[in-house]
């Protein structure tokens, strides 16, 4: 029987005795600033029938997907890395009947829970601001769960390769360009065909396509492909994370 839920319970206990409001504030604050400065501010320069409101509604779901990604990655890289390299929490856990696979699944589940909470709060914000234009948006929270799962598993796998604190900067060298160029602020069509293929292969692009389709009501087969992409990414990264943790903790 899996004991992964015990890892989640531990995280909830730590969160309860810490500052749980930080989780909500951190999940909303940064994407909300981007929404105001880019979605609303630069949106004033956008011409057309929809103008600033239409551009803000275009950017908002991308920032929602980015919020889910960032929260998941931060939770399963910095925190897990510290527990592996310094806190030695897992070294104590593996002396119990709990298996390494349970640790990996528990950490991913806890990260998904935190990420979904912060993403859901940001979704409420954009809904209250009138940036959601379809009833399909009720599926945005389940979509955030899928996005959080894919990036939580990937983050956990990445954490097992980080040896020094400055190695986290290499991860940011991947995350920041992906945020800027994965159609967060403009459509894929502005790229030449070759770059369109490369950009569409990015996991954040697939996440944005899924969220944008749900909140705007522009549904298509590409959304099913995006969901399948994220699911495969999550399952593959979970397998890799379990294997890497086994090598680290049993070596």
C-alpha atoms as a PDB file:
ATOM      1  CA  UNK A   1       0.000   0.000   0.000  1.00  0.00           C
ATOM      2  CA  UNK A   2       1.380   3.426  -0.947  1.00  0.00           C
ATOM      3  CA  UNK A   3       2.348   5.814   1.841  1.00  0.00           C
ATOM      4  CA  UNK A   4       2.679   8.837  -0.436  1.00  0.00           C
ATOM      5  CA  UNK A   5      -0.195  10.566   1.337  1.00  0.00           C
ATOM      6  CA  UNK A   6       1.946  10.817   4.475  1.00  0.00           C
ATOM      7  CA  UNK A   7       4.307  13.164   2.627  1.00  0.00           C
ATOM      8  CA  UNK A   8       1.326  15.340   1.713  1.00  0.00           C
ATOM      9  CA  UNK A   9       0.151  15.322   5.336  1.00  0.00           C
ATOM     10  CA  UNK A  10       3.623  16.433   6.440  1.00  0.00           C
ATOM     11  CA  UNK A  11       3.530  19.339   3.977  1.00  0.00           C
ATOM     12  CA  UNK A  12       0.077  20.378   5.174  1.00  0.00           C
ATOM     13  CA  UNK A  13       1.277  20.271   8.778  1.00  0.00           C
ATOM     14  CA  UNK A  14       4.291  22.458   7.951  1.00  0.00           C
ATOM     15  CA  UNK A  15       2.078  24.839   5.969  1.00  0.00           C
ATOM     16  CA  UNK A  16      -0.428  25.094   8.799  1.00  0.00           C
ATOM     17  CA  UNK A  17       2.258  25.962  11.332  1.00  0.00           C
ATOM     18  CA  UNK A  18       4.020  28.355   8.985  1.00  0.00           C
ATOM     19  CA  UNK A  19       2.568  31.206   6.961  1.00  0.00           C
ATOM     20  CA  UNK A  20      -0.058  29.738   4.633  1.00  0.00           C
ATOM     21  CA  UNK A  21      -1.082  33.168   3.362  1.00  0.00           C
ATOM     22  CA  UNK A  22       2.376  33.468   1.733  1.00  0.00           C
ATOM     23  CA  UNK A  23       1.359  30.707  -0.656  1.00  0.00           C
ATOM     24  CA  UNK A  24      -1.626  32.678  -1.920  1.00  0.00           C
ATOM     25  CA  UNK A  25       0.188  36.027  -2.049  1.00  0.00           C
ATOM     26  CA  UNK A  26       3.181  34.620  -3.942  1.00  0.00           C
ATOM     27  CA  UNK A  27       0.912  32.808  -6.401  1.00  0.00           C
ATOM     28  CA  UNK A  28      -1.084  35.945  -7.207  1.00  0.00           C
ATOM     29  CA  UNK A  29       1.287  38.882  -6.794  1.00  0.00           C
ATOM     30  CA  UNK A  30       3.784  38.341  -9.625  1.00  0.00           C
ATOM     31  CA  UNK A  31       1.319  37.290 -12.373  1.00  0.00           C
ATOM     32  CA  UNK A  32      -1.048  40.089 -11.293  1.00  0.00           C
ATOM     33  CA  UNK A  33       1.721  42.663 -11.766  1.00  0.00           C
ATOM     34  CA  UNK A  34       2.428  41.291 -15.242  1.00  0.00           C
ATOM     35  CA  UNK A  35      -1.277  41.418 -15.987  1.00  0.00           C
ATOM     36  CA  UNK A  36      -1.497  45.074 -14.986  1.00  0.00           C
ATOM     37  CA  UNK A  37       1.697  46.216 -16.671  1.00  0.00           C
ATOM     38  CA  UNK A  38       1.529  44.199 -19.894  1.00  0.00           C
ATOM     39  CA  UNK A  39      -2.039  42.994 -20.252  1.00  0.00           C
ATOM     40  CA  UNK A  40      -3.649  46.283 -19.264  1.00  0.00           C
ATOM     41  CA  UNK A  41      -0.816  48.796 -19.736  1.00  0.00           C
ATOM     42  CA  UNK A  42       0.526  47.738 -23.117  1.00  0.00           C
ATOM     43  CA  UNK A  43      -2.985  46.640 -24.036  1.00  0.00           C
ATOM     44  CA  UNK A  44      -3.887  50.311 -24.263  1.00  0.00           C
ATOM     45  CA  UNK A  45      -1.705  50.472 -27.370  1.00  0.00           C
ATOM     46  CA  UNK A  46      -3.588  47.650 -29.053  1.00  0.00           C
ATOM     47  CA  UNK A  47      -5.997  48.801 -31.737  1.00  0.00           C
ATOM     48  CA  UNK A  48      -9.113  47.018 -32.866  1.00  0.00           C
ATOM     49  CA  UNK A  49     -12.590  46.359 -31.588  1.00  0.00           C
ATOM     50  CA  UNK A  50     -11.551  44.623 -28.390  1.00  0.00           C
ATOM     51  CA  UNK A  51      -8.574  46.876 -27.616  1.00  0.00           C
ATOM     52  CA  UNK A  52      -7.033  46.671 -24.151  1.00  0.00           C
ATOM     53  CA  UNK A  53      -9.772  44.443 -22.731  1.00  0.00           C
ATOM     54  CA  UNK A  54      -9.300  41.872 -25.475  1.00  0.00           C
ATOM     55  CA  UNK A  55      -5.526  41.857 -25.097  1.00  0.00           C
ATOM     56  CA  UNK A  56      -5.782  41.475 -21.315  1.00  0.00           C
ATOM     57  CA  UNK A  57      -8.119  38.501 -21.826  1.00  0.00           C
ATOM     58  CA  UNK A  58      -5.522  37.051 -24.229  1.00  0.00           C
ATOM     59  CA  UNK A  59      -2.651  37.450 -21.735  1.00  0.00           C
ATOM     60  CA  UNK A  60      -4.526  36.428 -18.566  1.00  0.00           C
ATOM     61  CA  UNK A  61      -4.794  32.650 -19.263  1.00  0.00           C
ATOM     62  CA  UNK A  62      -1.129  32.580 -20.267  1.00  0.00           C
ATOM     63  CA  UNK A  63      -0.210  34.111 -16.926  1.00  0.00           C
ATOM     64  CA  UNK A  64      -2.489  31.595 -15.223  1.00  0.00           C
ATOM     65  CA  UNK A  65      -0.586  28.740 -16.862  1.00  0.00           C
ATOM     66  CA  UNK A  66       2.707  30.417 -15.983  1.00  0.00           C
ATOM     67  CA  UNK A  67       1.608  30.761 -12.367  1.00  0.00           C
ATOM     68  CA  UNK A  68       0.924  27.025 -12.195  1.00  0.00           C
ATOM     69  CA  UNK A  69       4.288  26.283 -13.793  1.00  0.00           C
ATOM     70  CA  UNK A  70       6.348  28.578 -11.574  1.00  0.00           C
ATOM     71  CA  UNK A  71       4.714  27.454  -8.354  1.00  0.00           C
ATOM     72  CA  UNK A  72       5.228  23.789  -9.234  1.00  0.00           C
ATOM     73  CA  UNK A  73       8.836  24.214 -10.332  1.00  0.00           C
ATOM     74  CA  UNK A  74       9.803  26.300  -7.300  1.00  0.00           C
ATOM     75  CA  UNK A  75       8.240  23.820  -4.909  1.00  0.00           C
ATOM     76  CA  UNK A  76       9.941  20.740  -6.331  1.00  0.00           C
ATOM     77  CA  UNK A  77      13.356  22.174  -7.094  1.00  0.00           C
ATOM     78  CA  UNK A  78      14.555  24.499  -4.324  1.00  0.00           C
ATOM     79  CA  UNK A  79      12.681  22.817  -1.479  1.00  0.00           C
ATOM     80  CA  UNK A  80      13.319  19.217  -2.490  1.00  0.00           C
ATOM     81  CA  UNK A  81      16.937  19.977  -3.317  1.00  0.00           C
ATOM     82  CA  UNK A  82      17.468  21.402   0.174  1.00  0.00           C
ATOM     83  CA  UNK A  83      15.844  18.379   1.803  1.00  0.00           C
ATOM     84  CA  UNK A  84      18.031  16.020  -0.220  1.00  0.00           C
ATOM     85  CA  UNK A  85      21.351  17.844   0.108  1.00  0.00           C
ATOM     86  CA  UNK A  86      21.198  19.420   3.568  1.00  0.00           C
ATOM     87  CA  UNK A  87      18.126  18.616   5.634  1.00  0.00           C
ATOM     88  CA  UNK A  88      18.518  14.866   5.034  1.00  0.00           C
ATOM     89  CA  UNK A  89      14.795  14.333   5.634  1.00  0.00           C
ATOM     90  CA  UNK A  90      14.617  11.568   3.068  1.00  0.00           C
ATOM     91  CA  UNK A  91      17.570   9.709   4.554  1.00  0.00           C
ATOM     92  CA  UNK A  92      15.501   9.302   7.697  1.00  0.00           C
ATOM     93  CA  UNK A  93      12.331   8.424   5.790  1.00  0.00           C
ATOM     94  CA  UNK A  94      13.933   5.589   3.810  1.00  0.00           C
ATOM     95  CA  UNK A  95      14.765   3.804   7.089  1.00  0.00           C
ATOM     96  CA  UNK A  96      11.003   3.367   7.580  1.00  0.00           C
ATOM     97  CA  UNK A  97       8.721   1.086   5.540  1.00  0.00           C
ATOM     98  CA  UNK A  98       8.029   4.025   3.190  1.00  0.00           C
ATOM     99  CA  UNK A  99       9.486   3.427  -0.266  1.00  0.00           C
ATOM    100  CA  UNK A 100      11.362   5.915  -2.418  1.00  0.00           C
ATOM    101  CA  UNK A 101       8.559   5.795  -4.950  1.00  0.00           C
ATOM    102  CA  UNK A 102       6.203   6.962  -2.195  1.00  0.00           C
ATOM    103  CA  UNK A 103       8.491   9.912  -1.482  1.00  0.00           C
ATOM    104  CA  UNK A 104       8.499  10.953  -5.130  1.00  0.00           C
ATOM    105  CA  UNK A 105       4.734  10.624  -5.525  1.00  0.00           C
ATOM    106  CA  UNK A 106       4.118  12.401  -2.231  1.00  0.00           C
ATOM    107  CA  UNK A 107       6.340  15.347  -3.116  1.00  0.00           C
ATOM    108  CA  UNK A 108       4.693  15.678  -6.521  1.00  0.00           C
ATOM    109  CA  UNK A 109       1.210  15.491  -5.001  1.00  0.00           C
ATOM    110  CA  UNK A 110       2.060  18.109  -2.367  1.00  0.00           C
ATOM    111  CA  UNK A 111       3.482  20.407  -5.038  1.00  0.00           C
ATOM    112  CA  UNK A 112       0.380  19.957  -7.205  1.00  0.00           C
ATOM    113  CA  UNK A 113      -1.810  20.830  -4.229  1.00  0.00           C
ATOM    114  CA  UNK A 114       0.096  24.042  -3.485  1.00  0.00           C
ATOM    115  CA  UNK A 115       0.318  25.063  -7.130  1.00  0.00           C
ATOM    116  CA  UNK A 116      -3.375  24.430  -7.735  1.00  0.00           C
ATOM    117  CA  UNK A 117      -4.298  26.534  -4.720  1.00  0.00           C
ATOM    118  CA  UNK A 118      -2.288  29.546  -5.884  1.00  0.00           C
ATOM    119  CA  UNK A 119      -3.455  29.139  -9.498  1.00  0.00           C
ATOM    120  CA  UNK A 120      -7.074  28.898  -8.407  1.00  0.00           C
ATOM    121  CA  UNK A 121      -6.755  32.157  -6.487  1.00  0.00           C
ATOM    122  CA  UNK A 122      -5.338  33.881  -9.568  1.00  0.00           C
ATOM    123  CA  UNK A 123      -8.144  32.409 -11.681  1.00  0.00           C
ATOM    124  CA  UNK A 124     -10.683  33.974  -9.322  1.00  0.00           C
ATOM    125  CA  UNK A 125      -8.911  37.322  -9.767  1.00  0.00           C
ATOM    126  CA  UNK A 126      -9.048  37.282 -13.563  1.00  0.00           C
ATOM    127  CA  UNK A 127     -12.646  36.064 -13.493  1.00  0.00           C
ATOM    128  CA  UNK A 128     -13.652  38.960 -11.236  1.00  0.00           C
ATOM    129  CA  UNK A 129     -11.850  41.348 -13.595  1.00  0.00           C
ATOM    130  CA  UNK A 130     -13.979  40.107 -16.491  1.00  0.00           C
ATOM    131  CA  UNK A 131     -11.139  38.405 -18.357  1.00  0.00           C
ATOM    132  CA  UNK A 132     -12.915  35.049 -18.676  1.00  0.00           C
ATOM    133  CA  UNK A 133     -15.313  34.752 -21.627  1.00  0.00           C
ATOM    134  CA  UNK A 134     -16.511  31.165 -21.643  1.00  0.00           C
ATOM    135  CA  UNK A 135     -18.228  28.700 -19.333  1.00  0.00           C
ATOM    136  CA  UNK A 136     -15.573  26.210 -20.420  1.00  0.00           C
ATOM    137  CA  UNK A 137     -13.347  28.135 -18.014  1.00  0.00           C
ATOM    138  CA  UNK A 138     -14.735  25.976 -15.185  1.00  0.00           C
ATOM    139  CA  UNK A 139     -12.245  23.400 -16.481  1.00  0.00           C
ATOM    140  CA  UNK A 140      -9.363  25.827 -15.960  1.00  0.00           C
ATOM    141  CA  UNK A 141      -8.769  24.525 -12.430  1.00  0.00           C
ATOM    142  CA  UNK A 142      -8.517  20.863 -13.553  1.00  0.00           C
ATOM    143  CA  UNK A 143      -6.236  22.107 -16.333  1.00  0.00           C
ATOM    144  CA  UNK A 144      -4.109  23.842 -13.701  1.00  0.00           C
ATOM    145  CA  UNK A 145      -3.866  20.514 -11.868  1.00  0.00           C
ATOM    146  CA  UNK A 146      -2.566  18.843 -15.035  1.00  0.00           C
ATOM    147  CA  UNK A 147      -0.070  21.647 -15.676  1.00  0.00           C
ATOM    148  CA  UNK A 148       1.072  21.543 -12.056  1.00  0.00           C
ATOM    149  CA  UNK A 149       1.528  17.772 -12.259  1.00  0.00           C
ATOM    150  CA  UNK A 150       3.642  17.945 -15.409  1.00  0.00           C
ATOM    151  CA  UNK A 151       5.936  20.666 -14.065  1.00  0.00           C
ATOM    152  CA  UNK A 152       6.058  19.292 -10.507  1.00  0.00           C
ATOM    153  CA  UNK A 153       7.300  15.954 -11.790  1.00  0.00           C
ATOM    154  CA  UNK A 154       9.761  17.671 -14.143  1.00  0.00           C
ATOM    155  CA  UNK A 155      10.969  19.915 -11.324  1.00  0.00           C
ATOM    156  CA  UNK A 156      11.502  16.963  -9.012  1.00  0.00           C
ATOM    157  CA  UNK A 157      13.509  15.166 -11.684  1.00  0.00           C
ATOM    158  CA  UNK A 158      15.565  18.322 -12.310  1.00  0.00           C
ATOM    159  CA  UNK A 159      16.232  18.748  -8.585  1.00  0.00           C
ATOM    160  CA  UNK A 160      18.048  15.428  -8.489  1.00  0.00           C
ATOM    161  CA  UNK A 161      20.617  16.758 -10.969  1.00  0.00           C
ATOM    162  CA  UNK A 162      21.353  19.978  -9.064  1.00  0.00           C
ATOM    163  CA  UNK A 163      24.523  19.724  -6.989  1.00  0.00           C
ATOM    164  CA  UNK A 164      25.389  23.320  -6.074  1.00  0.00           C
ATOM    165  CA  UNK A 165      23.202  26.331  -5.198  1.00  0.00           C
ATOM    166  CA  UNK A 166      24.285  28.270  -8.288  1.00  0.00           C
ATOM    167  CA  UNK A 167      23.052  25.420 -10.501  1.00  0.00           C
ATOM    168  CA  UNK A 168      19.532  26.729  -9.916  1.00  0.00           C
ATOM    169  CA  UNK A 169      20.450  29.581 -12.257  1.00  0.00           C
ATOM    170  CA  UNK A 170      20.674  27.118 -15.124  1.00  0.00           C
ATOM    171  CA  UNK A 171      17.059  26.198 -14.520  1.00  0.00           C
ATOM    172  CA  UNK A 172      16.083  29.862 -14.710  1.00  0.00           C
ATOM    173  CA  UNK A 173      17.903  30.078 -18.045  1.00  0.00           C
ATOM    174  CA  UNK A 174      15.285  27.653 -19.300  1.00  0.00           C
ATOM    175  CA  UNK A 175      12.248  29.020 -17.457  1.00  0.00           C
ATOM    176  CA  UNK A 176      12.597  32.723 -18.262  1.00  0.00           C
ATOM    177  CA  UNK A 177      13.026  32.441 -22.069  1.00  0.00           C
ATOM    178  CA  UNK A 178      10.170  29.940 -22.157  1.00  0.00           C
ATOM    179  CA  UNK A 179       7.968  32.447 -20.314  1.00  0.00           C
ATOM    180  CA  UNK A 180       8.900  35.262 -22.679  1.00  0.00           C
ATOM    181  CA  UNK A 181       8.674  33.414 -25.997  1.00  0.00           C
ATOM    182  CA  UNK A 182       6.033  30.673 -25.519  1.00  0.00           C
ATOM    183  CA  UNK A 183       3.225  32.960 -26.820  1.00  0.00           C
ATOM    184  CA  UNK A 184       2.533  34.462 -23.408  1.00  0.00           C
ATOM    185  CA  UNK A 185       2.145  37.954 -24.884  1.00  0.00           C
ATOM    186  CA  UNK A 186       1.542  37.341 -28.591  1.00  0.00           C
ATOM    187  CA  UNK A 187       0.248  34.577 -30.883  1.00  0.00           C
ATOM    188  CA  UNK A 188       2.329  31.821 -32.430  1.00  0.00           C
ATOM    189  CA  UNK A 189       1.652  33.179 -35.924  1.00  0.00           C
ATOM    190  CA  UNK A 190       4.200  35.995 -35.547  1.00  0.00           C
ATOM    191  CA  UNK A 191       7.020  33.444 -35.778  1.00  0.00           C
ATOM    192  CA  UNK A 192       8.337  32.042 -39.055  1.00  0.00           C
ATOM    193  CA  UNK A 193       7.294  28.414 -39.708  1.00  0.00           C
ATOM    194  CA  UNK A 194      10.527  26.857 -38.414  1.00  0.00           C
ATOM    195  CA  UNK A 195      10.333  28.704 -35.111  1.00  0.00           C
ATOM    196  CA  UNK A 196       6.639  27.875 -34.809  1.00  0.00           C
ATOM    197  CA  UNK A 197       7.553  24.195 -34.698  1.00  0.00           C
ATOM    198  CA  UNK A 198      10.184  24.805 -32.006  1.00  0.00           C
ATOM    199  CA  UNK A 199       7.955  27.011 -29.863  1.00  0.00           C
ATOM    200  CA  UNK A 200       5.001  24.628 -30.101  1.00  0.00           C
ATOM    201  CA  UNK A 201       7.229  21.907 -28.634  1.00  0.00           C
ATOM    202  CA  UNK A 202       7.652  23.879 -25.394  1.00  0.00           C
ATOM    203  CA  UNK A 203       5.614  22.597 -22.425  1.00  0.00           C
ATOM    204  CA  UNK A 204       4.588  26.107 -21.418  1.00  0.00           C
ATOM    205  CA  UNK A 205       3.198  26.720 -24.903  1.00  0.00           C
ATOM    206  CA  UNK A 206       1.043  23.612 -24.585  1.00  0.00           C
ATOM    207  CA  UNK A 207      -0.095  24.766 -21.150  1.00  0.00           C
ATOM    208  CA  UNK A 208      -1.000  28.209 -22.458  1.00  0.00           C
ATOM    209  CA  UNK A 209      -2.913  26.767 -25.413  1.00  0.00           C
ATOM    210  CA  UNK A 210      -4.949  24.615 -23.053  1.00  0.00           C
ATOM    211  CA  UNK A 211      -5.747  27.490 -20.673  1.00  0.00           C
ATOM    212  CA  UNK A 212      -6.387  30.041 -23.419  1.00  0.00           C
ATOM    213  CA  UNK A 213      -8.823  27.788 -25.219  1.00  0.00           C
ATOM    214  CA  UNK A 214     -10.825  27.192 -22.034  1.00  0.00           C
ATOM    215  CA  UNK A 215     -11.032  30.816 -20.908  1.00  0.00           C
ATOM    216  CA  UNK A 216     -11.795  32.260 -24.351  1.00  0.00           C
ATOM    217  CA  UNK A 217     -14.034  29.441 -25.559  1.00  0.00           C
ATOM    218  CA  UNK A 218     -11.953  28.824 -28.679  1.00  0.00           C
ATOM    219  CA  UNK A 219     -11.868  25.040 -28.470  1.00  0.00           C
ATOM    220  CA  UNK A 220     -10.052  22.704 -30.834  1.00  0.00           C
ATOM    221  CA  UNK A 221      -8.291  19.389 -31.231  1.00  0.00           C
ATOM    222  CA  UNK A 222      -5.049  21.106 -30.265  1.00  0.00           C
ATOM    223  CA  UNK A 223      -6.302  21.297 -26.690  1.00  0.00           C
ATOM    224  CA  UNK A 224      -6.586  17.511 -26.493  1.00  0.00           C
ATOM    225  CA  UNK A 225      -3.070  17.251 -27.893  1.00  0.00           C
ATOM    226  CA  UNK A 226      -1.869  19.741 -25.274  1.00  0.00           C
ATOM    227  CA  UNK A 227      -3.486  17.733 -22.469  1.00  0.00           C
ATOM    228  CA  UNK A 228      -1.922  14.517 -23.789  1.00  0.00           C
ATOM    229  CA  UNK A 229       1.468  16.245 -24.074  1.00  0.00           C
ATOM    230  CA  UNK A 230       1.341  17.384 -20.434  1.00  0.00           C
ATOM    231  CA  UNK A 231       0.168  13.982 -19.212  1.00  0.00           C
ATOM    232  CA  UNK A 232       2.989  12.175 -20.991  1.00  0.00           C
ATOM    233  CA  UNK A 233       5.464  14.745 -19.684  1.00  0.00           C
ATOM    234  CA  UNK A 234       4.220  14.206 -16.137  1.00  0.00           C
ATOM    235  CA  UNK A 235       4.313  10.407 -16.295  1.00  0.00           C
ATOM    236  CA  UNK A 236       7.769  10.351 -17.894  1.00  0.00           C
ATOM    237  CA  UNK A 237       9.176  12.866 -15.419  1.00  0.00           C
ATOM    238  CA  UNK A 238       7.692  10.914 -12.489  1.00  0.00           C
ATOM    239  CA  UNK A 239       9.466   7.786 -13.657  1.00  0.00           C
ATOM    240  CA  UNK A 240      12.750   9.673 -14.013  1.00  0.00           C
ATOM    241  CA  UNK A 241      12.373  11.365 -10.619  1.00  0.00           C
ATOM    242  CA  UNK A 242      11.771   8.029  -8.865  1.00  0.00           C
ATOM    243  CA  UNK A 243      14.790   6.489 -10.556  1.00  0.00           C
ATOM    244  CA  UNK A 244      17.058   9.448  -9.744  1.00  0.00           C
ATOM    245  CA  UNK A 245      15.930   9.600  -6.113  1.00  0.00           C
ATOM    246  CA  UNK A 246      16.704   5.903  -5.769  1.00  0.00           C
ATOM    247  CA  UNK A 247      20.229   6.502  -7.025  1.00  0.00           C
ATOM    248  CA  UNK A 248      20.761   9.434  -4.649  1.00  0.00           C
ATOM    249  CA  UNK A 249      19.278   7.960  -1.485  1.00  0.00           C
ATOM    250  CA  UNK A 250      20.532   4.399  -1.816  1.00  0.00           C
ATOM    251  CA  UNK A 251      24.064   5.184  -3.036  1.00  0.00           C
END
